[in-house]
C-alpha cells in the first residue's frame, strides 16, 4: 500500500510514518519504481508505536519493545541496563494508572449515556440501579 493509505488507516501523518522509518521503528519495502511499499502488517505496528509514544516511551525504548509485541521470546537484552529497566518499570506503572483512570472514565460515560437514553425515552433514571 502507499504511504497515504497507511496514514489514513492508522490516523497518522505521512511525515510521522517517514520518521518512524528513519528511527528504525518500521521497515518499509520498495517497489520496482522506487516508491515505498507499506505492508498491511504495519497497520498494527504503527498503532502499537503510537500507543507507546502516547504512554511517554521514547523511540529508543520502543525500538526494543516492538519485537516483543509479536513474539515475546525476541527480547533483546544487550541494552538492558538497570536504568532502562527502572525506566520501563516506571512507564509500566504509569500505564497501569492510566488504564485505571480510563476504566473509570469509560464506566462514567457509559452510565451517562444510559441515563440520556432513559431520559430520551421518558423514563426516570433509577438511582438505586446506578443508571
C-alpha atoms as a PDB file:
ATOM      1  CA  UNK A   1       0.000   0.000   0.000  1.00  0.00           C
ATOM      2  CA  UNK A   2       1.080   3.596  -0.425  1.00  0.00           C
ATOM      3  CA  UNK A   3       2.035   5.930   2.408  1.00  0.00           C
ATOM      4  CA  UNK A   4      -1.240   7.853   2.165  1.00  0.00           C
ATOM      5  CA  UNK A   5      -3.238   4.672   2.616  1.00  0.00           C
ATOM      6  CA  UNK A   6      -1.240   3.652   5.695  1.00  0.00           C
ATOM      7  CA  UNK A   7      -1.530   7.173   7.083  1.00  0.00           C
ATOM      8  CA  UNK A   8      -5.295   7.075   6.669  1.00  0.00           C
ATOM      9  CA  UNK A   9      -5.690   3.595   8.163  1.00  0.00           C
ATOM     10  CA  UNK A  10      -3.569   4.499  11.204  1.00  0.00           C
ATOM     11  CA  UNK A  11      -4.696   8.127  11.554  1.00  0.00           C
ATOM     12  CA  UNK A  12      -1.043   9.149  11.300  1.00  0.00           C
ATOM     13  CA  UNK A  13       0.596  11.696   9.050  1.00  0.00           C
ATOM     14  CA  UNK A  14       2.897  10.579   6.229  1.00  0.00           C
ATOM     15  CA  UNK A  15       5.609  12.693   7.848  1.00  0.00           C
ATOM     16  CA  UNK A  16       5.365  10.640  11.064  1.00  0.00           C
ATOM     17  CA  UNK A  17       5.479   7.403   9.089  1.00  0.00           C
ATOM     18  CA  UNK A  18       8.710   8.527   7.425  1.00  0.00           C
ATOM     19  CA  UNK A  19      10.057   9.491  10.873  1.00  0.00           C
ATOM     20  CA  UNK A  20       9.215   6.012  12.228  1.00  0.00           C
ATOM     21  CA  UNK A  21      11.116   4.553   9.284  1.00  0.00           C
ATOM     22  CA  UNK A  22      14.139   6.817   9.948  1.00  0.00           C
ATOM     23  CA  UNK A  23      14.136   5.751  13.601  1.00  0.00           C
ATOM     24  CA  UNK A  24      14.071   2.068  12.618  1.00  0.00           C
ATOM     25  CA  UNK A  25      10.637   1.510  14.130  1.00  0.00           C
ATOM     26  CA  UNK A  26       9.133   0.267  10.873  1.00  0.00           C
ATOM     27  CA  UNK A  27      10.711  -1.418   7.892  1.00  0.00           C
ATOM     28  CA  UNK A  28       9.398  -0.433   4.502  1.00  0.00           C
ATOM     29  CA  UNK A  29       9.930  -2.239   1.232  1.00  0.00           C
ATOM     30  CA  UNK A  30      10.451  -0.558  -2.095  1.00  0.00           C
ATOM     31  CA  UNK A  31       8.547  -1.201  -5.294  1.00  0.00           C
ATOM     32  CA  UNK A  32      10.342  -1.569  -8.626  1.00  0.00           C
ATOM     33  CA  UNK A  33       9.771   2.127  -9.308  1.00  0.00           C
ATOM     34  CA  UNK A  34      11.478   3.070  -6.016  1.00  0.00           C
ATOM     35  CA  UNK A  35       8.293   4.055  -4.198  1.00  0.00           C
ATOM     36  CA  UNK A  36       7.828   2.912  -0.639  1.00  0.00           C
ATOM     37  CA  UNK A  37       5.601  -0.158  -0.358  1.00  0.00           C
ATOM     38  CA  UNK A  38       3.895  -0.443   3.026  1.00  0.00           C
ATOM     39  CA  UNK A  39       2.860  -3.925   4.134  1.00  0.00           C
ATOM     40  CA  UNK A  40      -0.576  -4.458   5.738  1.00  0.00           C
ATOM     41  CA  UNK A  41       1.082  -5.709   8.950  1.00  0.00           C
ATOM     42  CA  UNK A  42       2.376  -2.172   9.524  1.00  0.00           C
ATOM     43  CA  UNK A  43      -1.131  -1.002  10.438  1.00  0.00           C
ATOM     44  CA  UNK A  44      -0.948  -2.853  13.772  1.00  0.00           C
ATOM     45  CA  UNK A  45       2.701  -1.963  14.280  1.00  0.00           C
ATOM     46  CA  UNK A  46       2.103   1.767  13.754  1.00  0.00           C
ATOM     47  CA  UNK A  47      -0.873   1.566  16.121  1.00  0.00           C
ATOM     48  CA  UNK A  48       1.389  -0.014  18.755  1.00  0.00           C
ATOM     49  CA  UNK A  49       4.068   2.630  18.186  1.00  0.00           C
ATOM     50  CA  UNK A  50       1.561   5.450  18.589  1.00  0.00           C
ATOM     51  CA  UNK A  51       0.209   3.917  21.779  1.00  0.00           C
ATOM     52  CA  UNK A  52       3.680   3.551  23.269  1.00  0.00           C
ATOM     53  CA  UNK A  53       4.589   7.114  22.292  1.00  0.00           C
ATOM     54  CA  UNK A  54       1.361   8.378  23.862  1.00  0.00           C
ATOM     55  CA  UNK A  55       2.316   6.476  27.015  1.00  0.00           C
ATOM     56  CA  UNK A  56       5.509   8.515  27.128  1.00  0.00           C
ATOM     57  CA  UNK A  57       8.073   5.975  25.981  1.00  0.00           C
ATOM     58  CA  UNK A  58      10.951   7.331  23.907  1.00  0.00           C
ATOM     59  CA  UNK A  59      11.568   5.873  20.455  1.00  0.00           C
ATOM     60  CA  UNK A  60      14.845   4.229  21.579  1.00  0.00           C
ATOM     61  CA  UNK A  61      12.894   2.077  24.066  1.00  0.00           C
ATOM     62  CA  UNK A  62      10.014   1.482  21.672  1.00  0.00           C
ATOM     63  CA  UNK A  63      12.504   0.054  19.191  1.00  0.00           C
ATOM     64  CA  UNK A  64      13.487  -2.535  21.806  1.00  0.00           C
ATOM     65  CA  UNK A  65       9.915  -3.332  22.833  1.00  0.00           C
ATOM     66  CA  UNK A  66       8.399  -3.742  19.353  1.00  0.00           C
ATOM     67  CA  UNK A  67       9.774  -7.242  18.695  1.00  0.00           C
ATOM     68  CA  UNK A  68       8.182  -8.393  21.967  1.00  0.00           C
ATOM     69  CA  UNK A  69       4.728  -7.413  20.735  1.00  0.00           C
ATOM     70  CA  UNK A  70       4.845 -10.063  18.020  1.00  0.00           C
ATOM     71  CA  UNK A  71       6.927 -12.690  19.772  1.00  0.00           C
ATOM     72  CA  UNK A  72       7.824 -12.236  23.458  1.00  0.00           C
ATOM     73  CA  UNK A  73      10.776 -14.591  23.019  1.00  0.00           C
ATOM     74  CA  UNK A  74      12.522 -11.986  20.843  1.00  0.00           C
ATOM     75  CA  UNK A  75      13.609  -9.881  23.807  1.00  0.00           C
ATOM     76  CA  UNK A  76      16.890  -8.007  23.326  1.00  0.00           C
ATOM     77  CA  UNK A  77      18.979  -7.985  26.485  1.00  0.00           C
ATOM     78  CA  UNK A  78      22.040  -6.173  25.143  1.00  0.00           C
ATOM     79  CA  UNK A  79      20.892  -2.745  26.354  1.00  0.00           C
ATOM     80  CA  UNK A  80      19.055  -3.910  29.496  1.00  0.00           C
ATOM     81  CA  UNK A  81      20.873  -1.672  31.971  1.00  0.00           C
ATOM     82  CA  UNK A  82      19.423  -1.099  35.454  1.00  0.00           C
ATOM     83  CA  UNK A  83      18.455   2.414  34.313  1.00  0.00           C
ATOM     84  CA  UNK A  84      16.491   1.116  31.322  1.00  0.00           C
ATOM     85  CA  UNK A  85      14.773  -1.483  33.483  1.00  0.00           C
ATOM     86  CA  UNK A  86      13.821   1.201  36.040  1.00  0.00           C
ATOM     87  CA  UNK A  87      12.557   3.461  33.241  1.00  0.00           C
ATOM     88  CA  UNK A  88      10.432   0.669  31.783  1.00  0.00           C
ATOM     89  CA  UNK A  89       9.046  -0.201  35.208  1.00  0.00           C
ATOM     90  CA  UNK A  90       8.095   3.447  35.687  1.00  0.00           C
ATOM     91  CA  UNK A  91       6.345   3.517  32.319  1.00  0.00           C
ATOM     92  CA  UNK A  92       4.605   0.233  33.094  1.00  0.00           C
ATOM     93  CA  UNK A  93       3.301   1.654  36.372  1.00  0.00           C
ATOM     94  CA  UNK A  94       2.218   4.862  34.634  1.00  0.00           C
ATOM     95  CA  UNK A  95       0.312   2.801  32.064  1.00  0.00           C
ATOM     96  CA  UNK A  96      -1.439   0.887  34.853  1.00  0.00           C
ATOM     97  CA  UNK A  97      -2.558   4.171  36.422  1.00  0.00           C
ATOM     98  CA  UNK A  98      -3.798   5.469  33.059  1.00  0.00           C
ATOM     99  CA  UNK A  99      -5.718   2.228  32.482  1.00  0.00           C
ATOM    100  CA  UNK A 100      -7.431   2.654  35.864  1.00  0.00           C
ATOM    101  CA  UNK A 101      -8.435   6.232  35.006  1.00  0.00           C
ATOM    102  CA  UNK A 102      -9.644   5.225  31.542  1.00  0.00           C
ATOM    103  CA  UNK A 103     -11.669   2.373  33.020  1.00  0.00           C
ATOM    104  CA  UNK A 104     -13.369   4.746  35.477  1.00  0.00           C
ATOM    105  CA  UNK A 105     -13.992   7.288  32.711  1.00  0.00           C
ATOM    106  CA  UNK A 106     -15.426   4.583  30.466  1.00  0.00           C
ATOM    107  CA  UNK A 107     -17.835   3.493  33.190  1.00  0.00           C
ATOM    108  CA  UNK A 108     -18.886   7.104  33.865  1.00  0.00           C
ATOM    109  CA  UNK A 109     -19.547   7.787  30.168  1.00  0.00           C
ATOM    110  CA  UNK A 110     -21.471   4.510  29.836  1.00  0.00           C
ATOM    111  CA  UNK A 111     -23.625   5.439  32.844  1.00  0.00           C
ATOM    112  CA  UNK A 112     -24.224   8.908  31.429  1.00  0.00           C
ATOM    113  CA  UNK A 113     -25.225   7.538  28.011  1.00  0.00           C
ATOM    114  CA  UNK A 114     -27.571   5.087  29.723  1.00  0.00           C
ATOM    115  CA  UNK A 115     -29.197   7.921  31.668  1.00  0.00           C
ATOM    116  CA  UNK A 116     -29.524  10.011  28.492  1.00  0.00           C
ATOM    117  CA  UNK A 117     -31.211   7.126  26.680  1.00  0.00           C
ATOM    118  CA  UNK A 118     -33.657   6.610  29.527  1.00  0.00           C
ATOM    119  CA  UNK A 119     -34.382  10.331  29.627  1.00  0.00           C
ATOM    120  CA  UNK A 120     -34.978  10.373  25.855  1.00  0.00           C
ATOM    121  CA  UNK A 121     -37.483   7.538  26.298  1.00  0.00           C
ATOM    122  CA  UNK A 122     -39.238   9.458  29.078  1.00  0.00           C
ATOM    123  CA  UNK A 123     -38.118   7.013  31.766  1.00  0.00           C
ATOM    124  CA  UNK A 124     -36.839   8.432  35.038  1.00  0.00           C
ATOM    125  CA  UNK A 125     -33.421   7.003  35.962  1.00  0.00           C
ATOM    126  CA  UNK A 126     -33.500   4.677  38.970  1.00  0.00           C
ATOM    127  CA  UNK A 127     -30.860   5.960  41.424  1.00  0.00           C
ATOM    128  CA  UNK A 128     -30.677   2.536  43.093  1.00  0.00           C
ATOM    129  CA  UNK A 129     -29.663   0.812  39.849  1.00  0.00           C
ATOM    130  CA  UNK A 130     -26.856   3.263  39.030  1.00  0.00           C
ATOM    131  CA  UNK A 131     -28.483   4.138  35.681  1.00  0.00           C
END
